[in-house]
Protein backbone atom coordinates (compact mmCIF):
# COMPACT_ATOMS: atom_id res chain seq x y z
CA MET A 1 10.00 -16.05 -6.43
CA PHE A 2 7.69 -13.86 -8.48
CA THR A 3 8.85 -10.53 -9.89
CA PHE A 4 7.13 -8.06 -12.17
CA PRO A 5 9.52 -5.96 -14.30
CA VAL A 6 8.61 -2.28 -14.31
CA SER A 7 10.39 0.40 -16.31
CA ASP A 8 7.99 3.26 -15.42
CA ILE A 9 6.18 2.60 -12.17
CA MET A 10 3.53 5.29 -12.71
CA THR A 11 2.36 3.96 -16.07
CA ALA A 12 2.77 0.27 -15.18
CA LEU A 13 -0.54 0.38 -13.32
CA PRO A 14 -3.00 3.05 -14.51
CA ILE A 15 -5.52 4.54 -12.10
CA GLU A 16 -9.09 3.40 -12.87
CA GLU A 17 -11.96 5.71 -11.94
CA GLY A 18 -13.66 4.64 -8.71
CA LYS A 19 -11.33 1.65 -8.20
CA ARG A 20 -8.23 0.31 -6.48
CA VAL A 21 -6.00 -1.91 -8.60
CA ASN A 22 -2.95 -3.87 -7.45
CA GLN A 23 0.09 -5.46 -9.06
CA VAL A 24 2.53 -7.66 -7.15
CA LEU A 25 6.05 -6.46 -7.97
CA PHE A 26 8.03 -8.89 -5.83
CA ASP A 27 7.06 -11.90 -3.75
CA LEU A 28 9.22 -14.19 -1.62
CA PRO A 29 6.59 -16.54 -0.12
CA GLY A 30 6.61 -16.39 3.68
CA GLN A 31 9.00 -13.44 3.60
CA THR A 32 8.69 -10.14 1.72
CA LYS A 33 6.00 -9.09 -0.73
CA VAL A 34 5.86 -5.70 -2.47
CA VAL A 35 2.62 -4.57 -4.11
CA LEU A 36 2.09 -1.51 -6.33
CA VAL A 37 -1.35 0.04 -5.79
CA ALA A 38 -3.14 2.59 -7.99
CA VAL A 39 -6.22 4.12 -6.44
CA ALA A 40 -8.74 6.71 -7.57
CA GLY A 41 -9.50 9.66 -5.33
CA GLY A 42 -12.13 8.91 -2.70
CA VAL A 43 -11.51 5.15 -2.69
CA GLU A 44 -10.79 3.52 0.68
CA VAL A 45 -9.24 0.15 1.46
CA PRO A 46 -11.47 -1.51 4.09
CA PRO A 47 -9.94 -1.66 7.59
CA HIS A 48 -8.10 -4.90 8.30
CA ALA A 49 -5.18 -6.32 10.31
CA VAL A 50 -2.38 -8.70 9.36
CA PRO A 51 -0.23 -10.97 11.57
CA TYR A 52 3.03 -9.40 10.34
CA GLU A 53 4.58 -5.96 9.99
CA ALA A 54 3.69 -3.96 6.89
CA GLY A 55 4.39 -0.54 5.44
CA VAL A 56 3.01 2.01 2.99
CA LEU A 57 5.23 4.21 0.80
CA VAL A 58 3.42 6.99 -1.07
CA LEU A 59 4.74 7.48 -4.60
CA ALA A 60 2.28 10.07 -5.96
CA GLY A 61 -0.95 11.70 -4.87
CA ALA A 62 -2.24 12.16 -1.33
CA LEU A 63 -3.42 9.52 1.12
CA GLU A 64 -4.63 9.14 4.66
CA VAL A 65 -3.47 6.00 6.45
CA MET A 66 -5.43 4.74 9.44
CA LEU A 67 -3.37 3.06 12.16
CA GLY A 68 -5.58 1.83 14.97
CA GLU A 69 -8.15 4.61 15.40
CA THR A 70 -6.00 7.49 14.09
CA TRP A 71 -5.80 8.79 10.51
CA HIS A 72 -2.39 10.07 9.36
CA PRO A 73 -1.89 12.26 6.27
CA ALA A 74 0.66 10.85 3.83
CA LYS A 75 2.27 12.55 0.84
CA PRO A 76 4.81 11.39 -1.75
CA GLY A 77 8.02 10.17 -0.19
CA GLN A 78 6.46 9.32 3.18
CA TYR A 79 6.65 5.80 4.60
CA LEU A 80 4.31 4.64 7.36
CA THR A 81 4.94 1.44 9.30
CA VAL A 82 1.94 -0.73 10.13
CA PRO A 83 2.66 -2.69 13.32
CA ILE A 84 1.76 -6.37 13.69
CA ASN A 85 -1.99 -7.02 14.20
CA VAL A 86 -2.94 -3.30 14.12
CA ARG A 87 -6.14 -2.46 12.21
CA HIS A 88 -5.31 -0.18 9.33
CA SER A 89 -6.79 1.30 6.20
CA VAL A 90 -5.79 3.60 3.35
CA ARG A 91 -7.96 6.35 1.89
CA ALA A 92 -7.02 8.23 -1.30
CA LEU A 93 -7.63 11.97 -1.08
CA GLU A 94 -6.78 12.23 -4.78
CA PRO A 95 -5.67 9.77 -7.49
CA SER A 96 -2.59 8.08 -6.01
CA HIS A 97 0.07 5.41 -6.41
CA PHE A 98 1.70 3.73 -3.43
CA LEU A 99 3.70 0.65 -2.50
CA VAL A 100 2.66 -1.80 0.21
CA PHE A 101 5.43 -3.83 1.86
CA HIS A 102 4.39 -7.09 3.53
CA ALA A 103 7.15 -8.17 5.94
CA ARG A 104 5.65 -11.63 6.48
CA GLY A 105 8.82 -12.79 8.22
CA ILE A 106 8.27 -10.23 11.02
CA THR A 107 5.51 -11.67 13.19
CA ALA A 108 4.51 -11.59 16.85
């Protein structure tokens, strides 16, 4: 198991202009993985799908999360579930931090 100790989640991973940066916080191979993401405004994660359930929890900033063909606004405190094998993307409307949960044990 890999864990990354964080005392202040917002300063643990600074936002870099024009980039998306990630830090794995917790990883149980084949089960659950939690990733902290810091993204500059205007940056978009390319659309993709995964063979397990996932989720996005907005910590700070403002995002849009694409699920299938529909974009959903997301603000701090909101959690969006990404169903198994659904194409999804994340777009930062402003500098943002969010968590991605990979529920690799929940598959079709």
